[in-house]
Amino acid sequence: MNKIVLIAIMIFLGFSVQAQTKKNKNLKYTTEVNGNCEQCKKRIEKAAYGVPGVKTATWDVSSHQLSVILNEEKCSPSDLNKAIAKAGHDTKEVKAAAADYDNLHSCCKYVREE
């Protein structure tokens, strides 16, 4: 009898743990991305859309806020931040490599935080 109760509890716990790790298919995520102009906007949004699982991406020039909807089953916010940084733009979470930043057009070179 005790074995049956123990097995039932283990099965229940297994299902509840599995349910907690369910990924959001429409995660709304916003982060700050450095940039200056419409050319930056195009580059940042293109980099975001290049990440599999990103459904929408909009960067606002004045507020520097990138708003995306992404499928966590295909990508993570970390994947997105790395792609944006690879395009030369620092995010709040990931700083672009110097070589990627140096490749930006002169008007797109924002003031970087050290």
N, C-alpha and C. Protein backbone atom coordinates (compact mmCIF):
# COMPACT_ATOMS: atom_id res chain seq x y z
N MET A 1 0.82 -1.20 0.00
CA MET A 1 0.00 0.00 0.00
C MET A 1 0.87 1.27 0.00
N ASN A 2 1.91 1.28 0.83
CA ASN A 2 2.78 2.45 0.89
C ASN A 2 3.49 2.69 -0.44
N LYS A 3 3.84 1.60 -1.13
CA LYS A 3 4.50 1.75 -2.42
C LYS A 3 3.58 2.41 -3.43
N ILE A 4 2.32 2.06 -3.41
CA ILE A 4 1.36 2.64 -4.35
C ILE A 4 1.20 4.13 -4.09
N VAL A 5 1.11 4.51 -2.83
CA VAL A 5 0.98 5.93 -2.47
C VAL A 5 2.24 6.69 -2.89
N LEU A 6 3.41 6.10 -2.63
CA LEU A 6 4.67 6.72 -3.00
C LEU A 6 4.77 6.90 -4.51
N ILE A 7 4.40 5.90 -5.27
CA ILE A 7 4.42 6.00 -6.74
C ILE A 7 3.46 7.08 -7.22
N ALA A 8 2.28 7.14 -6.63
CA ALA A 8 1.29 8.15 -7.01
C ALA A 8 1.82 9.55 -6.74
N ILE A 9 2.48 9.74 -5.62
CA ILE A 9 3.05 11.05 -5.29
C ILE A 9 4.16 11.41 -6.27
N MET A 10 5.01 10.45 -6.60
CA MET A 10 6.10 10.71 -7.53
C MET A 10 5.57 11.08 -8.92
N ILE A 11 4.53 10.40 -9.36
CA ILE A 11 3.93 10.71 -10.67
C ILE A 11 3.34 12.12 -10.64
N PHE A 12 2.62 12.45 -9.58
CA PHE A 12 2.03 13.77 -9.45
C PHE A 12 3.10 14.86 -9.47
N LEU A 13 4.18 14.66 -8.71
CA LEU A 13 5.26 15.63 -8.68
C LEU A 13 5.92 15.75 -10.05
N GLY A 14 6.07 14.66 -10.75
CA GLY A 14 6.65 14.69 -12.09
C GLY A 14 5.83 15.54 -13.04
N PHE A 15 4.51 15.42 -12.98
CA PHE A 15 3.65 16.22 -13.85
C PHE A 15 3.67 17.69 -13.45
N SER A 16 3.70 17.98 -12.16
CA SER A 16 3.69 19.38 -11.74
C SER A 16 5.00 20.07 -12.11
N VAL A 17 6.13 19.38 -12.01
CA VAL A 17 7.41 19.96 -12.41
C VAL A 17 7.43 20.20 -13.91
N GLN A 18 6.91 19.26 -14.67
CA GLN A 18 6.86 19.41 -16.12
C GLN A 18 6.01 20.61 -16.51
N ALA A 19 4.91 20.83 -15.82
CA ALA A 19 4.01 21.93 -16.14
C ALA A 19 4.69 23.28 -15.85
N GLN A 20 5.54 23.34 -14.84
CA GLN A 20 6.18 24.60 -14.49
C GLN A 20 7.24 25.02 -15.50
N THR A 21 7.78 24.08 -16.26
CA THR A 21 8.82 24.43 -17.22
C THR A 21 8.26 24.69 -18.62
N LYS A 22 6.96 24.80 -18.72
CA LYS A 22 6.34 25.06 -20.02
C LYS A 22 6.80 26.42 -20.55
N LYS A 23 7.19 26.45 -21.80
CA LYS A 23 7.70 27.67 -22.41
C LYS A 23 6.56 28.51 -22.97
N ASN A 24 6.72 29.82 -22.91
CA ASN A 24 5.72 30.76 -23.41
C ASN A 24 5.92 30.95 -24.91
N LYS A 25 4.87 30.69 -25.69
CA LYS A 25 4.97 30.84 -27.14
C LYS A 25 4.80 32.28 -27.59
N ASN A 26 4.33 33.14 -26.70
CA ASN A 26 4.13 34.56 -27.03
C ASN A 26 4.65 35.45 -25.91
N LEU A 27 5.93 35.27 -25.57
CA LEU A 27 6.54 36.06 -24.51
C LEU A 27 6.74 37.50 -24.99
N LYS A 28 6.21 38.45 -24.21
CA LYS A 28 6.44 39.87 -24.51
C LYS A 28 7.68 40.28 -23.73
N TYR A 29 8.68 40.77 -24.46
CA TYR A 29 9.97 41.10 -23.85
C TYR A 29 10.39 42.48 -24.33
N THR A 30 10.86 43.30 -23.39
CA THR A 30 11.32 44.65 -23.72
C THR A 30 12.69 44.85 -23.09
N THR A 31 13.59 45.46 -23.85
CA THR A 31 14.92 45.77 -23.33
C THR A 31 15.41 47.06 -23.96
N GLU A 32 16.37 47.68 -23.32
CA GLU A 32 16.98 48.90 -23.84
C GLU A 32 18.11 48.53 -24.79
N VAL A 33 18.13 49.17 -25.96
CA VAL A 33 19.18 48.95 -26.96
C VAL A 33 19.72 50.30 -27.40
N ASN A 34 21.03 50.47 -27.35
CA ASN A 34 21.63 51.74 -27.75
C ASN A 34 21.67 51.89 -29.26
N GLY A 35 21.38 53.10 -29.71
CA GLY A 35 21.38 53.44 -31.13
C GLY A 35 20.98 54.89 -31.28
N ASN A 36 21.04 55.40 -32.52
CA ASN A 36 20.79 56.83 -32.74
C ASN A 36 19.70 57.17 -33.74
N CYS A 37 19.52 56.36 -34.77
CA CYS A 37 18.76 56.85 -35.93
C CYS A 37 17.91 55.75 -36.58
N GLU A 38 17.28 56.13 -37.68
CA GLU A 38 16.44 55.17 -38.43
C GLU A 38 17.27 54.03 -39.01
N GLN A 39 18.53 54.33 -39.37
CA GLN A 39 19.41 53.27 -39.87
C GLN A 39 19.67 52.24 -38.75
N CYS A 40 19.84 52.72 -37.53
CA CYS A 40 20.01 51.83 -36.38
C CYS A 40 18.73 51.00 -36.19
N LYS A 41 17.58 51.66 -36.30
CA LYS A 41 16.29 50.98 -36.14
C LYS A 41 16.19 49.80 -37.09
N LYS A 42 16.52 50.03 -38.36
CA LYS A 42 16.45 48.95 -39.35
C LYS A 42 17.41 47.81 -39.00
N ARG A 43 18.62 48.15 -38.58
CA ARG A 43 19.64 47.14 -38.25
C ARG A 43 19.23 46.33 -37.02
N ILE A 44 18.75 47.01 -35.99
CA ILE A 44 18.34 46.35 -34.75
C ILE A 44 17.16 45.42 -35.00
N GLU A 45 16.15 45.92 -35.71
CA GLU A 45 14.98 45.09 -35.99
C GLU A 45 15.33 43.92 -36.89
N LYS A 46 16.21 44.13 -37.86
CA LYS A 46 16.65 43.04 -38.74
C LYS A 46 17.38 41.96 -37.94
N ALA A 47 18.24 42.39 -37.03
CA ALA A 47 18.96 41.43 -36.18
C ALA A 47 17.98 40.65 -35.31
N ALA A 48 16.97 41.33 -34.79
CA ALA A 48 15.97 40.65 -33.95
C ALA A 48 15.18 39.62 -34.76
N TYR A 49 14.74 40.02 -35.95
CA TYR A 49 13.98 39.08 -36.80
C TYR A 49 14.85 37.92 -37.28
N GLY A 50 16.17 38.08 -37.24
CA GLY A 50 17.07 37.00 -37.63
C GLY A 50 17.15 35.88 -36.60
N VAL A 51 16.60 36.10 -35.42
CA VAL A 51 16.59 35.08 -34.37
C VAL A 51 15.35 34.21 -34.55
N PRO A 52 15.53 32.91 -34.76
CA PRO A 52 14.36 32.03 -34.91
C PRO A 52 13.46 32.12 -33.68
N GLY A 53 12.17 32.30 -33.91
CA GLY A 53 11.22 32.39 -32.81
C GLY A 53 10.75 33.81 -32.53
N VAL A 54 11.43 34.82 -33.09
CA VAL A 54 10.99 36.20 -32.89
C VAL A 54 9.83 36.47 -33.85
N LYS A 55 8.69 36.86 -33.30
CA LYS A 55 7.49 37.09 -34.10
C LYS A 55 7.32 38.55 -34.48
N THR A 56 7.59 39.45 -33.54
CA THR A 56 7.53 40.89 -33.82
C THR A 56 8.72 41.57 -33.15
N ALA A 57 9.18 42.65 -33.75
CA ALA A 57 10.28 43.42 -33.17
C ALA A 57 10.13 44.88 -33.58
N THR A 58 10.10 45.76 -32.60
CA THR A 58 9.99 47.19 -32.86
C THR A 58 10.93 47.93 -31.92
N TRP A 59 11.84 48.72 -32.51
CA TRP A 59 12.75 49.54 -31.71
C TRP A 59 12.35 50.99 -31.87
N ASP A 60 12.23 51.68 -30.75
CA ASP A 60 11.84 53.09 -30.75
C ASP A 60 13.10 53.97 -30.65
N VAL A 61 13.29 54.84 -31.64
CA VAL A 61 14.49 55.68 -31.72
C VAL A 61 14.62 56.58 -30.49
N SER A 62 13.55 57.20 -30.05
CA SER A 62 13.65 58.17 -28.96
C SER A 62 13.82 57.52 -27.59
N SER A 63 13.14 56.41 -27.32
CA SER A 63 13.23 55.79 -25.99
C SER A 63 14.30 54.69 -25.92
N HIS A 64 14.78 54.24 -27.08
CA HIS A 64 15.77 53.15 -27.18
C HIS A 64 15.21 51.82 -26.69
N GLN A 65 13.90 51.68 -26.64
CA GLN A 65 13.28 50.44 -26.17
C GLN A 65 12.97 49.52 -27.35
N LEU A 66 13.44 48.28 -27.23
CA LEU A 66 13.13 47.24 -28.20
C LEU A 66 12.05 46.37 -27.59
N SER A 67 10.93 46.27 -28.27
CA SER A 67 9.82 45.43 -27.82
C SER A 67 9.66 44.29 -28.80
N VAL A 68 9.66 43.08 -28.27
CA VAL A 68 9.51 41.90 -29.12
C VAL A 68 8.49 40.94 -28.53
N ILE A 69 7.96 40.11 -29.39
CA ILE A 69 7.18 38.94 -28.98
C ILE A 69 7.95 37.76 -29.53
N LEU A 70 8.30 36.83 -28.64
CA LEU A 70 9.08 35.69 -29.08
C LEU A 70 8.53 34.38 -28.53
N ASN A 71 8.87 33.30 -29.22
CA ASN A 71 8.47 31.96 -28.83
C ASN A 71 9.62 31.35 -28.05
N GLU A 72 9.44 31.17 -26.75
CA GLU A 72 10.50 30.63 -25.90
C GLU A 72 10.86 29.18 -26.23
N GLU A 73 10.02 28.51 -26.98
CA GLU A 73 10.35 27.14 -27.39
C GLU A 73 11.44 27.16 -28.47
N LYS A 74 11.62 28.31 -29.13
CA LYS A 74 12.59 28.42 -30.22
C LYS A 74 13.78 29.30 -29.88
N CYS A 75 13.62 30.24 -28.96
CA CYS A 75 14.73 31.13 -28.59
C CYS A 75 14.47 31.70 -27.21
N SER A 76 15.47 32.39 -26.70
CA SER A 76 15.36 33.01 -25.38
C SER A 76 15.70 34.51 -25.48
N PRO A 77 15.36 35.28 -24.47
CA PRO A 77 15.79 36.68 -24.46
C PRO A 77 17.31 36.81 -24.59
N SER A 78 18.04 35.86 -24.03
CA SER A 78 19.50 35.87 -24.14
C SER A 78 19.95 35.74 -25.59
N ASP A 79 19.29 34.84 -26.36
CA ASP A 79 19.61 34.69 -27.79
C ASP A 79 19.39 36.01 -28.52
N LEU A 80 18.30 36.68 -28.20
CA LEU A 80 17.97 37.96 -28.82
C LEU A 80 19.03 39.01 -28.51
N ASN A 81 19.40 39.13 -27.24
CA ASN A 81 20.41 40.13 -26.84
C ASN A 81 21.75 39.88 -27.51
N LYS A 82 22.13 38.63 -27.65
CA LYS A 82 23.40 38.29 -28.31
C LYS A 82 23.36 38.67 -29.79
N ALA A 83 22.23 38.46 -30.45
CA ALA A 83 22.10 38.81 -31.87
C ALA A 83 22.16 40.32 -32.08
N ILE A 84 21.52 41.08 -31.19
CA ILE A 84 21.54 42.54 -31.28
C ILE A 84 22.97 43.04 -31.07
N ALA A 85 23.67 42.48 -30.08
CA ALA A 85 25.05 42.87 -29.82
C ALA A 85 25.95 42.52 -31.00
N LYS A 86 25.71 41.39 -31.65
CA LYS A 86 26.50 40.99 -32.81
C LYS A 86 26.33 41.99 -33.95
N ALA A 87 25.17 42.66 -34.00
CA ALA A 87 24.92 43.68 -35.02
C ALA A 87 25.59 45.01 -34.67
N GLY A 88 26.21 45.09 -33.48
CA GLY A 88 26.95 46.29 -33.10
C GLY A 88 26.29 47.17 -32.07
N HIS A 89 25.15 46.74 -31.56
CA HIS A 89 24.40 47.58 -30.61
C HIS A 89 24.40 46.96 -29.22
N ASP A 90 24.80 47.77 -28.23
CA ASP A 90 24.77 47.31 -26.84
C ASP A 90 23.33 47.21 -26.37
N THR A 91 23.04 46.15 -25.62
CA THR A 91 21.75 46.05 -24.94
C THR A 91 22.03 46.20 -23.45
N LYS A 92 20.98 46.25 -22.69
CA LYS A 92 21.15 46.35 -21.25
C LYS A 92 21.86 45.11 -20.70
N GLU A 93 21.67 43.98 -21.37
CA GLU A 93 22.20 42.70 -20.90
C GLU A 93 23.53 42.31 -21.54
N VAL A 94 23.76 42.67 -22.81
CA VAL A 94 24.95 42.22 -23.54
C VAL A 94 25.60 43.41 -24.26
N LYS A 95 26.89 43.57 -24.05
CA LYS A 95 27.64 44.64 -24.72
C LYS A 95 28.22 44.10 -26.02
N ALA A 96 28.11 44.87 -27.08
CA ALA A 96 28.65 44.48 -28.39
C ALA A 96 30.18 44.44 -28.34
N ALA A 97 30.76 43.53 -29.08
CA ALA A 97 32.22 43.47 -29.20
C ALA A 97 32.69 44.75 -29.88
N ALA A 98 33.89 45.19 -29.56
CA ALA A 98 34.44 46.43 -30.13
C ALA A 98 34.46 46.37 -31.65
N ALA A 99 34.82 45.21 -32.21
CA ALA A 99 34.88 45.07 -33.68
C ALA A 99 33.50 45.24 -34.31
N ASP A 100 32.45 44.73 -33.65
CA ASP A 100 31.09 44.87 -34.18
C ASP A 100 30.62 46.32 -34.08
N TYR A 101 30.93 46.98 -32.97
CA TYR A 101 30.59 48.39 -32.81
C TYR A 101 31.33 49.24 -33.84
N ASP A 102 32.61 48.95 -34.06
CA ASP A 102 33.42 49.72 -35.00
C ASP A 102 32.92 49.62 -36.44
N ASN A 103 32.17 48.56 -36.76
CA ASN A 103 31.63 48.38 -38.10
C ASN A 103 30.39 49.23 -38.37
N LEU A 104 29.85 49.87 -37.33
CA LEU A 104 28.67 50.72 -37.52
C LEU A 104 29.02 51.95 -38.35
N HIS A 105 28.03 52.46 -39.09
CA HIS A 105 28.17 53.71 -39.82
C HIS A 105 28.46 54.82 -38.82
N SER A 106 29.17 55.85 -39.22
CA SER A 106 29.58 56.91 -38.29
C SER A 106 28.40 57.57 -37.57
N CYS A 107 27.27 57.75 -38.24
CA CYS A 107 26.12 58.39 -37.58
C CYS A 107 25.47 57.46 -36.55
N CYS A 108 25.78 56.17 -36.63
CA CYS A 108 25.17 55.18 -35.73
C CYS A 108 26.00 54.94 -34.47
N LYS A 109 27.17 55.55 -34.40
CA LYS A 109 28.06 55.31 -33.26
C LYS A 109 27.57 56.12 -32.06
N TYR A 110 26.88 55.44 -31.18
CA TYR A 110 26.33 56.03 -29.96
C TYR A 110 27.43 56.09 -28.91
N VAL A 111 27.20 56.86 -27.86
CA VAL A 111 28.16 56.96 -26.76
C VAL A 111 28.02 55.70 -25.92
N ARG A 112 29.12 54.97 -25.80
CA ARG A 112 29.11 53.70 -25.06
C ARG A 112 29.45 53.92 -23.60
N GLU A 113 28.79 53.16 -22.74
CA GLU A 113 29.11 53.18 -21.31
C GLU A 113 30.29 52.25 -21.09
N GLU A 114 31.21 52.66 -20.27
CA GLU A 114 32.40 51.83 -20.02
C GLU A 114 32.16 50.79 -18.98
